[in-house]
Amino acid sequence: MIDNQATADLARQVTEETTSQLPQEKLEGEQAMIRTANELAERGSDYADGRGQAIGSIPPRIYMRWNLLLPGCWNDKTFVEEFLQDNPQCRCPGYRPRPTSIRNTFRIGGDFYQKNKHLVTNGP
């Protein structure tokens, strides 16, 4: 038989521990974004690794956070373009994402990133 009180206590403990780590994780994420910007600036706009010209670089923690929130999001070109538009430090020099536009009051492109970025950047 499962002890409901023990389960609730464990859930509360895990939640408190995770929540207490969010400020440090956010700081580390911001530092990773700065490092990414510096690395991309050093490589320049001609970098290619055999798969085509690079358009950007995503820090691993940011990549995983988004992938947990929306599995497969990095396979969606619109999502990637929105992310790179909002996070220019992750873009390769010279790369410009296609702008999302409004036509007949309909937004062209997905907006999942815009609606949910606060969950990744600020925690739940």
PDB file of N, CA and C in Angstrom:
ATOM      1  N   MET A   1       0.841  -1.177   0.000  1.00  0.00           N
ATOM      2  CA  MET A   1       0.000   0.000   0.000  1.00  0.00           C
ATOM      3  C   MET A   1       0.889   1.244   0.000  1.00  0.00           C
ATOM      4  N   ILE A   2       0.478   2.224  -0.754  1.00  0.00           N
ATOM      5  CA  ILE A   2       1.236   3.466  -0.887  1.00  0.00           C
ATOM      6  C   ILE A   2       0.839   4.418   0.231  1.00  0.00           C
ATOM      7  N   ASP A   3       1.841   4.982   0.881  1.00  0.00           N
ATOM      8  CA  ASP A   3       1.623   5.951   1.941  1.00  0.00           C
ATOM      9  C   ASP A   3       1.452   7.325   1.290  1.00  0.00           C
ATOM     10  N   ASN A   4       0.214   7.833   1.267  1.00  0.00           N
ATOM     11  CA  ASN A   4      -0.077   9.099   0.608  1.00  0.00           C
ATOM     12  C   ASN A   4       0.663  10.267   1.250  1.00  0.00           C
ATOM     13  N   GLN A   5       0.815  10.242   2.559  1.00  0.00           N
ATOM     14  CA  GLN A   5       1.510  11.341   3.236  1.00  0.00           C
ATOM     15  C   GLN A   5       2.983  11.375   2.854  1.00  0.00           C
ATOM     16  N   ALA A   6       3.604  10.188   2.792  1.00  0.00           N
ATOM     17  CA  ALA A   6       5.014  10.124   2.398  1.00  0.00           C
ATOM     18  C   ALA A   6       5.189  10.591   0.951  1.00  0.00           C
ATOM     19  N   THR A   7       4.254  10.221   0.083  1.00  0.00           N
ATOM     20  CA  THR A   7       4.309  10.645  -1.315  1.00  0.00           C
ATOM     21  C   THR A   7       4.155  12.156  -1.418  1.00  0.00           C
ATOM     22  N   ALA A   8       3.225  12.724  -0.684  1.00  0.00           N
ATOM     23  CA  ALA A   8       3.011  14.174  -0.687  1.00  0.00           C
ATOM     24  C   ALA A   8       4.236  14.904  -0.138  1.00  0.00           C
ATOM     25  N   ASP A   9       4.823  14.357   0.921  1.00  0.00           N
ATOM     26  CA  ASP A   9       6.032  14.974   1.490  1.00  0.00           C
ATOM     27  C   ASP A   9       7.193  14.946   0.498  1.00  0.00           C
ATOM     28  N   LEU A  10       7.354  13.826  -0.183  1.00  0.00           N
ATOM     29  CA  LEU A  10       8.416  13.716  -1.175  1.00  0.00           C
ATOM     30  C   LEU A  10       8.186  14.699  -2.319  1.00  0.00           C
ATOM     31  N   ALA A  11       6.950  14.790  -2.788  1.00  0.00           N
ATOM     32  CA  ALA A  11       6.632  15.732  -3.874  1.00  0.00           C
ATOM     33  C   ALA A  11       6.916  17.162  -3.444  1.00  0.00           C
ATOM     34  N   ARG A  12       6.556  17.522  -2.240  1.00  0.00           N
ATOM     35  CA  ARG A  12       6.804  18.867  -1.718  1.00  0.00           C
ATOM     36  C   ARG A  12       8.307  19.131  -1.609  1.00  0.00           C
ATOM     37  N   GLN A  13       9.051  18.150  -1.118  1.00  0.00           N
ATOM     38  CA  GLN A  13      10.502  18.293  -0.968  1.00  0.00           C
ATOM     39  C   GLN A  13      11.177  18.484  -2.332  1.00  0.00           C
ATOM     40  N   VAL A  14      10.786  17.678  -3.310  1.00  0.00           N
ATOM     41  CA  VAL A  14      11.364  17.799  -4.653  1.00  0.00           C
ATOM     42  C   VAL A  14      11.022  19.151  -5.259  1.00  0.00           C
ATOM     43  N   THR A  15       9.780  19.608  -5.096  1.00  0.00           N
ATOM     44  CA  THR A  15       9.353  20.901  -5.626  1.00  0.00           C
ATOM     45  C   THR A  15      10.135  22.033  -4.978  1.00  0.00           C
ATOM     46  N   GLU A  16      10.276  21.997  -3.659  1.00  0.00           N
ATOM     47  CA  GLU A  16      11.021  23.049  -2.953  1.00  0.00           C
ATOM     48  C   GLU A  16      12.479  23.076  -3.389  1.00  0.00           C
ATOM     49  N   GLU A  17      13.084  21.909  -3.524  1.00  0.00           N
ATOM     50  CA  GLU A  17      14.488  21.827  -3.942  1.00  0.00           C
ATOM     51  C   GLU A  17      14.663  22.371  -5.357  1.00  0.00           C
ATOM     52  N   THR A  18      13.769  21.985  -6.248  1.00  0.00           N
ATOM     53  CA  THR A  18      13.843  22.446  -7.630  1.00  0.00           C
ATOM     54  C   THR A  18      13.632  23.956  -7.707  1.00  0.00           C
ATOM     55  N   THR A  19      12.646  24.459  -6.997  1.00  0.00           N
ATOM     56  CA  THR A  19      12.349  25.889  -6.999  1.00  0.00           C
ATOM     57  C   THR A  19      13.501  26.696  -6.420  1.00  0.00           C
ATOM     58  N   SER A  20      14.144  26.175  -5.388  1.00  0.00           N
ATOM     59  CA  SER A  20      15.251  26.906  -4.779  1.00  0.00           C
ATOM     60  C   SER A  20      16.452  27.010  -5.720  1.00  0.00           C
ATOM     61  N   GLN A  21      16.554  26.111  -6.684  1.00  0.00           N
ATOM     62  CA  GLN A  21      17.677  26.123  -7.623  1.00  0.00           C
ATOM     63  C   GLN A  21      17.428  26.993  -8.850  1.00  0.00           C
ATOM     64  N   LEU A  22      16.197  27.455  -9.044  1.00  0.00           N
ATOM     65  CA  LEU A  22      15.872  28.223 -10.243  1.00  0.00           C
ATOM     66  C   LEU A  22      16.681  29.508 -10.400  1.00  0.00           C
ATOM     67  N   PRO A  23      16.874  30.329  -9.350  1.00  0.00           N
ATOM     68  CA  PRO A  23      17.679  31.546  -9.553  1.00  0.00           C
ATOM     69  C   PRO A  23      19.101  31.238 -10.031  1.00  0.00           C
ATOM     70  N   GLN A  24      19.738  30.225  -9.458  1.00  0.00           N
ATOM     71  CA  GLN A  24      21.091  29.850  -9.877  1.00  0.00           C
ATOM     72  C   GLN A  24      21.074  29.317 -11.302  1.00  0.00           C
ATOM     73  N   GLU A  25      20.063  28.525 -11.629  1.00  0.00           N
ATOM     74  CA  GLU A  25      19.963  27.982 -12.981  1.00  0.00           C
ATOM     75  C   GLU A  25      19.753  29.111 -13.999  1.00  0.00           C
ATOM     76  N   LYS A  26      18.945  30.096 -13.638  1.00  0.00           N
ATOM     77  CA  LYS A  26      18.722  31.227 -14.538  1.00  0.00           C
ATOM     78  C   LYS A  26      20.025  31.997 -14.755  1.00  0.00           C
ATOM     79  N   LEU A  27      20.773  32.227 -13.693  1.00  0.00           N
ATOM     80  CA  LEU A  27      22.058  32.919 -13.803  1.00  0.00           C
ATOM     81  C   LEU A  27      23.016  32.141 -14.695  1.00  0.00           C
ATOM     82  N   GLU A  28      23.097  30.831 -14.496  1.00  0.00           N
ATOM     83  CA  GLU A  28      23.960  29.995 -15.320  1.00  0.00           C
ATOM     84  C   GLU A  28      23.513  30.006 -16.775  1.00  0.00           C
ATOM     85  N   GLY A  29      22.199  30.042 -17.011  1.00  0.00           N
ATOM     86  CA  GLY A  29      21.678  30.121 -18.373  1.00  0.00           C
ATOM     87  C   GLY A  29      22.065  31.420 -19.044  1.00  0.00           C
ATOM     88  N   GLU A  30      21.977  32.535 -18.305  1.00  0.00           N
ATOM     89  CA  GLU A  30      22.370  33.827 -18.857  1.00  0.00           C
ATOM     90  C   GLU A  30      23.863  33.845 -19.174  1.00  0.00           C
ATOM     91  N   GLN A  31      24.676  33.261 -18.302  1.00  0.00           N
ATOM     92  CA  GLN A  31      26.112  33.197 -18.556  1.00  0.00           C
ATOM     93  C   GLN A  31      26.419  32.322 -19.770  1.00  0.00           C
ATOM     94  N   ALA A  32      25.674  31.240 -19.932  1.00  0.00           N
ATOM     95  CA  ALA A  32      25.864  30.368 -21.096  1.00  0.00           C
ATOM     96  C   ALA A  32      25.502  31.104 -22.383  1.00  0.00           C
ATOM     97  N   MET A  33      24.483  31.947 -22.333  1.00  0.00           N
ATOM     98  CA  MET A  33      24.099  32.731 -23.513  1.00  0.00           C
ATOM     99  C   MET A  33      25.207  33.718 -23.874  1.00  0.00           C
ATOM    100  N   ILE A  34      25.839  34.321 -22.889  1.00  0.00           N
ATOM    101  CA  ILE A  34      26.939  35.255 -23.137  1.00  0.00           C
ATOM    102  C   ILE A  34      28.129  34.507 -23.752  1.00  0.00           C
ATOM    103  N   ARG A  35      28.446  33.334 -23.198  1.00  0.00           N
ATOM    104  CA  ARG A  35      29.534  32.526 -23.760  1.00  0.00           C
ATOM    105  C   ARG A  35      29.231  32.131 -25.201  1.00  0.00           C
ATOM    106  N   THR A  36      27.977  31.773 -25.461  1.00  0.00           N
ATOM    107  CA  THR A  36      27.574  31.400 -26.817  1.00  0.00           C
ATOM    108  C   THR A  36      27.774  32.567 -27.770  1.00  0.00           C
ATOM    109  N   ALA A  37      27.370  33.763 -27.358  1.00  0.00           N
ATOM    110  CA  ALA A  37      27.549  34.948 -28.206  1.00  0.00           C
ATOM    111  C   ALA A  37      29.023  35.183 -28.512  1.00  0.00           C
ATOM    112  N   ASN A  38      29.876  35.034 -27.508  1.00  0.00           N
ATOM    113  CA  ASN A  38      31.314  35.225 -27.710  1.00  0.00           C
ATOM    114  C   ASN A  38      31.894  34.171 -28.658  1.00  0.00           C
ATOM    115  N   GLU A  39      31.488  32.917 -28.492  1.00  0.00           N
ATOM    116  CA  GLU A  39      31.978  31.843 -29.363  1.00  0.00           C
ATOM    117  C   GLU A  39      31.553  32.076 -30.808  1.00  0.00           C
ATOM    118  N   LEU A  40      30.301  32.498 -30.995  1.00  0.00           N
ATOM    119  CA  LEU A  40      29.808  32.739 -32.350  1.00  0.00           C
ATOM    120  C   LEU A  40      30.528  33.921 -32.992  1.00  0.00           C
ATOM    121  N   ALA A  41      30.805  34.946 -32.208  1.00  0.00           N
ATOM    122  CA  ALA A  41      31.526  36.115 -32.732  1.00  0.00           C
ATOM    123  C   ALA A  41      32.937  35.714 -33.171  1.00  0.00           C
ATOM    124  N   GLU A  42      33.584  34.825 -32.409  1.00  0.00           N
ATOM    125  CA  GLU A  42      34.932  34.370 -32.761  1.00  0.00           C
ATOM    126  C   GLU A  42      34.939  33.523 -34.031  1.00  0.00           C
ATOM    127  N   ARG A  43      33.913  32.685 -34.209  1.00  0.00           N
ATOM    128  CA  ARG A  43      33.857  31.808 -35.382  1.00  0.00           C
ATOM    129  C   ARG A  43      33.582  32.583 -36.657  1.00  0.00           C
ATOM    130  N   GLY A  44      32.788  33.617 -36.567  1.00  0.00           N
ATOM    131  CA  GLY A  44      32.430  34.386 -37.754  1.00  0.00           C
ATOM    132  C   GLY A  44      31.277  33.774 -38.512  1.00  0.00           C
ATOM    133  N   SER A  45      30.948  34.389 -39.637  1.00  0.00           N
ATOM    134  CA  SER A  45      29.754  33.984 -40.381  1.00  0.00           C
ATOM    135  C   SER A  45      30.020  32.901 -41.417  1.00  0.00           C
ATOM    136  N   ASP A  46      31.264  32.528 -41.618  1.00  0.00           N
ATOM    137  CA  ASP A  46      31.587  31.528 -42.643  1.00  0.00           C
ATOM    138  C   ASP A  46      31.660  30.110 -42.105  1.00  0.00           C
ATOM    139  N   TYR A  47      31.371  29.908 -40.828  1.00  0.00           N
ATOM    140  CA  TYR A  47      31.499  28.590 -40.215  1.00  0.00           C
ATOM    141  C   TYR A  47      30.490  27.612 -40.819  1.00  0.00           C
ATOM    142  N   ALA A  48      30.991  26.462 -41.227  1.00  0.00           N
ATOM    143  CA  ALA A  48      30.143  25.375 -41.717  1.00  0.00           C
ATOM    144  C   ALA A  48      30.806  24.073 -41.288  1.00  0.00           C
ATOM    145  N   ASP A  49      29.993  23.108 -40.883  1.00  0.00           N
ATOM    146  CA  ASP A  49      30.557  21.852 -40.378  1.00  0.00           C
ATOM    147  C   ASP A  49      30.195  20.640 -41.232  1.00  0.00           C
ATOM    148  N   GLY A  50      29.838  20.862 -42.468  1.00  0.00           N
ATOM    149  CA  GLY A  50      29.485  19.743 -43.339  1.00  0.00           C
ATOM    150  C   GLY A  50      27.985  19.534 -43.465  1.00  0.00           C
ATOM    151  N   ARG A  51      27.219  20.172 -42.612  1.00  0.00           N
ATOM    152  CA  ARG A  51      25.758  20.056 -42.685  1.00  0.00           C
ATOM    153  C   ARG A  51      25.132  21.324 -43.257  1.00  0.00           C
ATOM    154  N   GLY A  52      25.952  22.225 -43.707  1.00  0.00           N
ATOM    155  CA  GLY A  52      25.466  23.506 -44.206  1.00  0.00           C
ATOM    156  C   GLY A  52      25.967  24.615 -43.298  1.00  0.00           C
ATOM    157  N   GLN A  53      25.700  25.831 -43.701  1.00  0.00           N
ATOM    158  CA  GLN A  53      26.158  26.964 -42.903  1.00  0.00           C
ATOM    159  C   GLN A  53      25.384  27.025 -41.592  1.00  0.00           C
ATOM    160  N   ALA A  54      26.099  27.267 -40.507  1.00  0.00           N
ATOM    161  CA  ALA A  54      25.469  27.359 -39.185  1.00  0.00           C
ATOM    162  C   ALA A  54      24.626  28.629 -39.110  1.00  0.00           C
ATOM    163  N   ILE A  55      23.474  28.540 -38.438  1.00  0.00           N
ATOM    164  CA  ILE A  55      22.635  29.725 -38.235  1.00  0.00           C
ATOM    165  C   ILE A  55      22.658  30.172 -36.782  1.00  0.00           C
ATOM    166  N   GLY A  56      23.060  29.286 -35.883  1.00  0.00           N
ATOM    167  CA  GLY A  56      23.085  29.653 -34.474  1.00  0.00           C
ATOM    168  C   GLY A  56      23.595  28.523 -33.614  1.00  0.00           C
ATOM    169  N   SER A  57      23.639  28.792 -32.319  1.00  0.00           N
ATOM    170  CA  SER A  57      24.078  27.807 -31.339  1.00  0.00           C
ATOM    171  C   SER A  57      23.235  27.991 -30.081  1.00  0.00           C
ATOM    172  N   ILE A  58      22.709  26.892 -29.561  1.00  0.00           N
ATOM    173  CA  ILE A  58      21.827  26.934 -28.393  1.00  0.00           C
ATOM    174  C   ILE A  58      22.555  26.292 -27.211  1.00  0.00           C
ATOM    175  N   PRO A  59      22.669  27.010 -26.074  1.00  0.00           N
ATOM    176  CA  PRO A  59      23.279  26.386 -24.890  1.00  0.00           C
ATOM    177  C   PRO A  59      22.494  25.128 -24.482  1.00  0.00           C
ATOM    178  N   PRO A  60      23.195  24.081 -24.066  1.00  0.00           N
ATOM    179  CA  PRO A  60      22.531  22.806 -23.759  1.00  0.00           C
ATOM    180  C   PRO A  60      21.372  22.910 -22.766  1.00  0.00           C
ATOM    181  N   ARG A  61      21.527  23.672 -21.695  1.00  0.00           N
ATOM    182  CA  ARG A  61      20.457  23.765 -20.691  1.00  0.00           C
ATOM    183  C   ARG A  61      19.204  24.409 -21.293  1.00  0.00           C
ATOM    184  N   ILE A  62      19.387  25.444 -22.097  1.00  0.00           N
ATOM    185  CA  ILE A  62      18.252  26.109 -22.738  1.00  0.00           C
ATOM    186  C   ILE A  62      17.584  25.147 -23.723  1.00  0.00           C
ATOM    187  N   TYR A  63      18.400  24.442 -24.488  1.00  0.00           N
ATOM    188  CA  TYR A  63      17.891  23.466 -25.444  1.00  0.00           C
ATOM    189  C   TYR A  63      17.020  22.418 -24.732  1.00  0.00           C
ATOM    190  N   MET A  64      17.549  21.861 -23.644  1.00  0.00           N
ATOM    191  CA  MET A  64      16.814  20.806 -22.929  1.00  0.00           C
ATOM    192  C   MET A  64      15.556  21.336 -22.261  1.00  0.00           C
ATOM    193  N   ARG A  65      15.619  22.546 -21.693  1.00  0.00           N
ATOM    194  CA  ARG A  65      14.436  23.136 -21.061  1.00  0.00           C
ATOM    195  C   ARG A  65      13.286  23.245 -22.054  1.00  0.00           C
ATOM    196  N   TRP A  66      13.612  23.780 -23.239  1.00  0.00           N
ATOM    197  CA  TRP A  66      12.572  23.926 -24.252  1.00  0.00           C
ATOM    198  C   TRP A  66      12.095  22.563 -24.737  1.00  0.00           C
ATOM    199  N   ASN A  67      12.994  21.617 -24.909  1.00  0.00           N
ATOM    200  CA  ASN A  67      12.608  20.303 -25.398  1.00  0.00           C
ATOM    201  C   ASN A  67      11.731  19.567 -24.393  1.00  0.00           C
ATOM    202  N   LEU A  68      11.932  19.819 -23.101  1.00  0.00           N
ATOM    203  CA  LEU A  68      11.049  19.222 -22.095  1.00  0.00           C
ATOM    204  C   LEU A  68       9.664  19.857 -22.139  1.00  0.00           C
ATOM    205  N   LEU A  69       9.619  21.162 -22.366  1.00  0.00           N
ATOM    206  CA  LEU A  69       8.337  21.866 -22.426  1.00  0.00           C
ATOM    207  C   LEU A  69       7.567  21.512 -23.689  1.00  0.00           C
ATOM    208  N   LEU A  70       8.275  21.417 -24.809  1.00  0.00           N
ATOM    209  CA  LEU A  70       7.645  21.111 -26.091  1.00  0.00           C
ATOM    210  C   LEU A  70       8.535  20.130 -26.859  1.00  0.00           C
ATOM    211  N   PRO A  71       8.352  18.832 -26.629  1.00  0.00           N
ATOM    212  CA  PRO A  71       9.198  17.843 -27.305  1.00  0.00           C
ATOM    213  C   PRO A  71       9.185  18.035 -28.821  1.00  0.00           C
ATOM    214  N   GLY A  72      10.372  18.042 -29.397  1.00  0.00           N
ATOM    215  CA  GLY A  72      10.497  18.176 -30.846  1.00  0.00           C
ATOM    216  C   GLY A  72      10.471  19.600 -31.362  1.00  0.00           C
ATOM    217  N   CYS A  73      10.420  20.582 -30.458  1.00  0.00           N
ATOM    218  CA  CYS A  73      10.298  21.976 -30.899  1.00  0.00           C
ATOM    219  C   CYS A  73      11.464  22.416 -31.765  1.00  0.00           C
ATOM    220  N   TRP A  74      12.644  21.858 -31.536  1.00  0.00           N
ATOM    221  CA  TRP A  74      13.820  22.279 -32.298  1.00  0.00           C
ATOM    222  C   TRP A  74      13.784  21.778 -33.734  1.00  0.00           C
ATOM    223  N   ASN A  75      12.867  20.886 -34.050  1.00  0.00           N
ATOM    224  CA  ASN A  75      12.679  20.433 -35.428  1.00  0.00           C
ATOM    225  C   ASN A  75      11.742  21.349 -36.198  1.00  0.00           C
ATOM    226  N   ASP A  76      11.100  22.282 -35.507  1.00  0.00           N
ATOM    227  CA  ASP A  76      10.159  23.214 -36.124  1.00  0.00           C
ATOM    228  C   ASP A  76      10.910  24.487 -36.522  1.00  0.00           C
ATOM    229  N   LYS A  77      11.027  24.713 -37.833  1.00  0.00           N
ATOM    230  CA  LYS A  77      11.800  25.851 -38.336  1.00  0.00           C
ATOM    231  C   LYS A  77      11.253  27.181 -37.817  1.00  0.00           C
ATOM    232  N   THR A  78       9.944  27.306 -37.723  1.00  0.00           N
ATOM    233  CA  THR A  78       9.343  28.545 -37.230  1.00  0.00           C
ATOM    234  C   THR A  78       9.724  28.793 -35.786  1.00  0.00           C
ATOM    235  N   PHE A  79       9.708  27.744 -34.965  1.00  0.00           N
ATOM    236  CA  PHE A  79      10.094  27.868 -33.564  1.00  0.00           C
ATOM    237  C   PHE A  79      11.541  28.337 -33.453  1.00  0.00           C
ATOM    238  N   VAL A  80      12.427  27.704 -34.223  1.00  0.00           N
ATOM    239  CA  VAL A  80      13.848  28.062 -34.182  1.00  0.00           C
ATOM    240  C   VAL A  80      14.035  29.515 -34.599  1.00  0.00           C
ATOM    241  N   GLU A  81      13.344  29.940 -35.643  1.00  0.00           N
ATOM    242  CA  GLU A  81      13.471  31.331 -36.092  1.00  0.00           C
ATOM    243  C   GLU A  81      12.974  32.306 -35.026  1.00  0.00           C
ATOM    244  N   GLU A  82      11.864  31.982 -34.362  1.00  0.00           N
ATOM    245  CA  GLU A  82      11.361  32.845 -33.286  1.00  0.00           C
ATOM    246  C   GLU A  82      12.359  32.899 -32.139  1.00  0.00           C
ATOM    247  N   PHE A  83      12.926  31.754 -31.794  1.00  0.00           N
ATOM    248  CA  PHE A  83      13.908  31.719 -30.715  1.00  0.00           C
ATOM    249  C   PHE A  83      15.114  32.588 -31.062  1.00  0.00           C
ATOM    250  N   LEU A  84      15.636  32.429 -32.273  1.00  0.00           N
ATOM    251  CA  LEU A  84      16.805  33.202 -32.678  1.00  0.00           C
ATOM    252  C   LEU A  84      16.488  34.687 -32.826  1.00  0.00           C
ATOM    253  N   GLN A  85      15.265  35.006 -33.201  1.00  0.00           N
ATOM    254  CA  GLN A  85      14.860  36.411 -33.277  1.00  0.00           C
ATOM    255  C   GLN A  85      14.874  37.035 -31.882  1.00  0.00           C
ATOM    256  N   ASP A  86      14.398  36.289 -30.901  1.00  0.00           N
ATOM    257  CA  ASP A  86      14.300  36.808 -29.530  1.00  0.00           C
ATOM    258  C   ASP A  86      15.622  36.718 -28.769  1.00  0.00           C
ATOM    259  N   ASN A  87      16.543  35.879 -29.234  1.00  0.00           N
ATOM    260  CA  ASN A  87      17.820  35.671 -28.561  1.00  0.00           C
ATOM    261  C   ASN A  87      18.961  35.864 -29.557  1.00  0.00           C
ATOM    262  N   PRO A  88      19.232  37.104 -29.938  1.00  0.00           N
ATOM    263  CA  PRO A  88      20.241  37.351 -30.971  1.00  0.00           C
ATOM    264  C   PRO A  88      21.638  36.866 -30.580  1.00  0.00           C
ATOM    265  N   GLN A  89      21.909  36.710 -29.290  1.00  0.00           N
ATOM    266  CA  GLN A  89      23.218  36.226 -28.872  1.00  0.00           C
ATOM    267  C   GLN A  89      23.447  34.779 -29.298  1.00  0.00           C
ATOM    268  N   CYS A  90      22.398  34.079 -29.692  1.00  0.00           N
ATOM    269  CA  CYS A  90      22.529  32.698 -30.150  1.00  0.00           C
ATOM    270  C   CYS A  90      22.617  32.595 -31.678  1.00  0.00           C
ATOM    271  N   ARG A  91      22.489  33.718 -32.378  1.00  0.00           N
ATOM    272  CA  ARG A  91      22.553  33.725 -33.837  1.00  0.00           C
ATOM    273  C   ARG A  91      23.986  33.862 -34.316  1.00  0.00           C
ATOM    274  N   CYS A  92      24.292  33.174 -35.404  1.00  0.00           N
ATOM    275  CA  CYS A  92      25.584  33.370 -36.051  1.00  0.00           C
ATOM    276  C   CYS A  92      25.613  34.763 -36.672  1.00  0.00           C
ATOM    277  N   PRO A  93      26.785  35.379 -36.712  1.00  0.00           N
ATOM    278  CA  PRO A  93      26.884  36.704 -37.332  1.00  0.00           C
ATOM    279  C   PRO A  93      26.377  36.655 -38.777  1.00  0.00           C
ATOM    280  N   GLY A  94      25.578  37.614 -39.137  1.00  0.00           N
ATOM    281  CA  GLY A  94      25.051  37.692 -40.490  1.00  0.00           C
ATOM    282  C   GLY A  94      23.733  36.983 -40.693  1.00  0.00           C
ATOM    283  N   TYR A  95      23.330  36.094 -39.792  1.00  0.00           N
ATOM    284  CA  TYR A  95      22.053  35.388 -39.960  1.00  0.00           C
ATOM    285  C   TYR A  95      20.923  36.254 -39.445  1.00  0.00           C
ATOM    286  N   ARG A  96      19.891  36.387 -40.231  1.00  0.00           N
ATOM    287  CA  ARG A  96      18.700  37.139 -39.826  1.00  0.00           C
ATOM    288  C   ARG A  96      17.481  36.240 -40.013  1.00  0.00           C
ATOM    289  N   PRO A  97      16.801  35.899 -38.922  1.00  0.00           N
ATOM    290  CA  PRO A  97      15.587  35.087 -39.061  1.00  0.00           C
ATOM    291  C   PRO A  97      14.539  35.842 -39.872  1.00  0.00           C
ATOM    292  N   ARG A  98      13.716  35.102 -40.573  1.00  0.00           N
ATOM    293  CA  ARG A  98      12.610  35.734 -41.298  1.00  0.00           C
ATOM    294  C   ARG A  98      11.669  36.362 -40.283  1.00  0.00           C
ATOM    295  N   PRO A  99      11.270  37.582 -40.506  1.00  0.00           N
ATOM    296  CA  PRO A  99      10.348  38.210 -39.555  1.00  0.00           C
ATOM    297  C   PRO A  99       8.957  37.594 -39.668  1.00  0.00           C
ATOM    298  N   THR A 100       8.297  37.464 -38.535  1.00  0.00           N
ATOM    299  CA  THR A 100       6.897  37.058 -38.572  1.00  0.00           C
ATOM    300  C   THR A 100       6.108  38.302 -38.928  1.00  0.00           C
ATOM    301  N   SER A 101       5.081  38.137 -39.674  1.00  0.00           N
ATOM    302  CA  SER A 101       4.316  39.299 -40.115  1.00  0.00           C
ATOM    303  C   SER A 101       2.842  39.083 -39.865  1.00  0.00           C
ATOM    304  N   ILE A 102       2.121  40.155 -39.936  1.00  0.00           N
ATOM    305  CA  ILE A 102       0.670  40.087 -39.745  1.00  0.00           C
ATOM    306  C   ILE A 102       0.006  40.433 -41.066  1.00  0.00           C
ATOM    307  N   ARG A 103      -0.834  39.523 -41.528  1.00  0.00           N
ATOM    308  CA  ARG A 103      -1.594  39.738 -42.755  1.00  0.00           C
ATOM    309  C   ARG A 103      -3.046  39.416 -42.462  1.00  0.00           C
ATOM    310  N   ASN A 104      -3.915  40.336 -42.730  1.00  0.00           N
ATOM    311  CA  ASN A 104      -5.346  40.125 -42.493  1.00  0.00           C
ATOM    312  C   ASN A 104      -5.614  39.689 -41.063  1.00  0.00           C
ATOM    313  N   THR A 105      -4.921  40.274 -40.118  1.00  0.00           N
ATOM    314  CA  THR A 105      -5.016  40.028 -38.673  1.00  0.00           C
ATOM    315  C   THR A 105      -4.606  38.616 -38.265  1.00  0.00           C
ATOM    316  N   PHE A 106      -4.020  37.838 -39.165  1.00  0.00           N
ATOM    317  CA  PHE A 106      -3.528  36.513 -38.818  1.00  0.00           C
ATOM    318  C   PHE A 106      -2.016  36.562 -38.755  1.00  0.00           C
ATOM    319  N   ARG A 107      -1.467  36.026 -37.697  1.00  0.00           N
ATOM    320  CA  ARG A 107      -0.013  35.996 -37.571  1.00  0.00           C
ATOM    321  C   ARG A 107       0.531  34.852 -38.407  1.00  0.00           C
ATOM    322  N   ILE A 108       1.540  35.137 -39.185  1.00  0.00           N
ATOM    323  CA  ILE A 108       2.173  34.113 -40.005  1.00  0.00           C
ATOM    324  C   ILE A 108       3.263  33.466 -39.155  1.00  0.00           C
ATOM    325  N   GLY A 109       3.227  32.169 -39.043  1.00  0.00           N
ATOM    326  CA  GLY A 109       4.224  31.459 -38.243  1.00  0.00           C
ATOM    327  C   GLY A 109       3.636  31.071 -36.892  1.00  0.00           C
ATOM    328  N   GLY A 110       4.279  30.121 -36.239  1.00  0.00           N
ATOM    329  CA  GLY A 110       3.825  29.669 -34.934  1.00  0.00           C
ATOM    330  C   GLY A 110       4.146  30.677 -33.850  1.00  0.00           C
ATOM    331  N   ASP A 111       3.400  30.615 -32.767  1.00  0.00           N
ATOM    332  CA  ASP A 111       3.676  31.549 -31.669  1.00  0.00           C
ATOM    333  C   ASP A 111       3.797  30.826 -30.337  1.00  0.00           C
ATOM    334  N   PHE A 112       4.037  29.521 -30.372  1.00  0.00           N
ATOM    335  CA  PHE A 112       4.194  28.774 -29.131  1.00  0.00           C
ATOM    336  C   PHE A 112       5.349  29.330 -28.314  1.00  0.00           C
ATOM    337  N   TYR A 113       6.444  29.642 -29.005  1.00  0.00           N
ATOM    338  CA  TYR A 113       7.626  30.169 -28.311  1.00  0.00           C
ATOM    339  C   TYR A 113       7.279  31.458 -27.578  1.00  0.00           C
ATOM    340  N   GLN A 114       6.633  32.390 -28.259  1.00  0.00           N
ATOM    341  CA  GLN A 114       6.327  33.683 -27.655  1.00  0.00           C
ATOM    342  C   GLN A 114       5.403  33.536 -26.449  1.00  0.00           C
ATOM    343  N   LYS A 115       4.440  32.629 -26.540  1.00  0.00           N
ATOM    344  CA  LYS A 115       3.484  32.460 -25.444  1.00  0.00           C
ATOM    345  C   LYS A 115       4.078  31.742 -24.233  1.00  0.00           C
ATOM    346  N   ASN A 116       5.125  30.950 -24.438  1.00  0.00           N
ATOM    347  CA  ASN A 116       5.631  30.102 -23.364  1.00  0.00           C
ATOM    348  C   ASN A 116       7.056  30.372 -22.930  1.00  0.00           C
ATOM    349  N   LYS A 117       7.717  31.367 -23.517  1.00  0.00           N
ATOM    350  CA  LYS A 117       9.121  31.600 -23.162  1.00  0.00           C
ATOM    351  C   LYS A 117       9.296  31.975 -21.697  1.00  0.00           C
ATOM    352  N   HIS A 118       8.274  32.567 -21.072  1.00  0.00           N
ATOM    353  CA  HIS A 118       8.393  32.920 -19.650  1.00  0.00           C
ATOM    354  C   HIS A 118       8.530  31.670 -18.784  1.00  0.00           C
ATOM    355  N   LEU A 119       7.993  30.537 -19.228  1.00  0.00           N
ATOM    356  CA  LEU A 119       8.101  29.305 -18.444  1.00  0.00           C
ATOM    357  C   LEU A 119       9.541  28.807 -18.379  1.00  0.00           C
ATOM    358  N   VAL A 120      10.294  29.057 -19.445  1.00  0.00           N
ATOM    359  CA  VAL A 120      11.676  28.602 -19.488  1.00  0.00           C
ATOM    360  C   VAL A 120      12.594  29.638 -18.867  1.00  0.00           C
ATOM    361  N   THR A 121      12.359  30.910 -19.144  1.00  0.00           N
ATOM    362  CA  THR A 121      13.261  31.946 -18.664  1.00  0.00           C
ATOM    363  C   THR A 121      13.023  32.305 -17.200  1.00  0.00           C
ATOM    364  N   ASN A 122      11.791  32.147 -16.714  1.00  0.00           N
ATOM    365  CA  ASN A 122      11.482  32.536 -15.337  1.00  0.00           C
ATOM    366  C   ASN A 122      11.126  31.358 -14.446  1.00  0.00           C
ATOM    367  N   GLY A 123      11.064  30.171 -14.988  1.00  0.00           N
ATOM    368  CA  GLY A 123      10.658  29.006 -14.201  1.00  0.00           C
ATOM    369  C   GLY A 123       9.152  28.890 -14.191  1.00  0.00           C
ATOM    370  N   PRO A 124       8.606  27.803 -13.659  1.00  0.00           N
ATOM    371  CA  PRO A 124       7.156  27.573 -13.666  1.00  0.00           C
ATOM    372  C   PRO A 124       6.422  28.549 -12.789  1.00  0.00           C
TER     373      PRO A 124
END
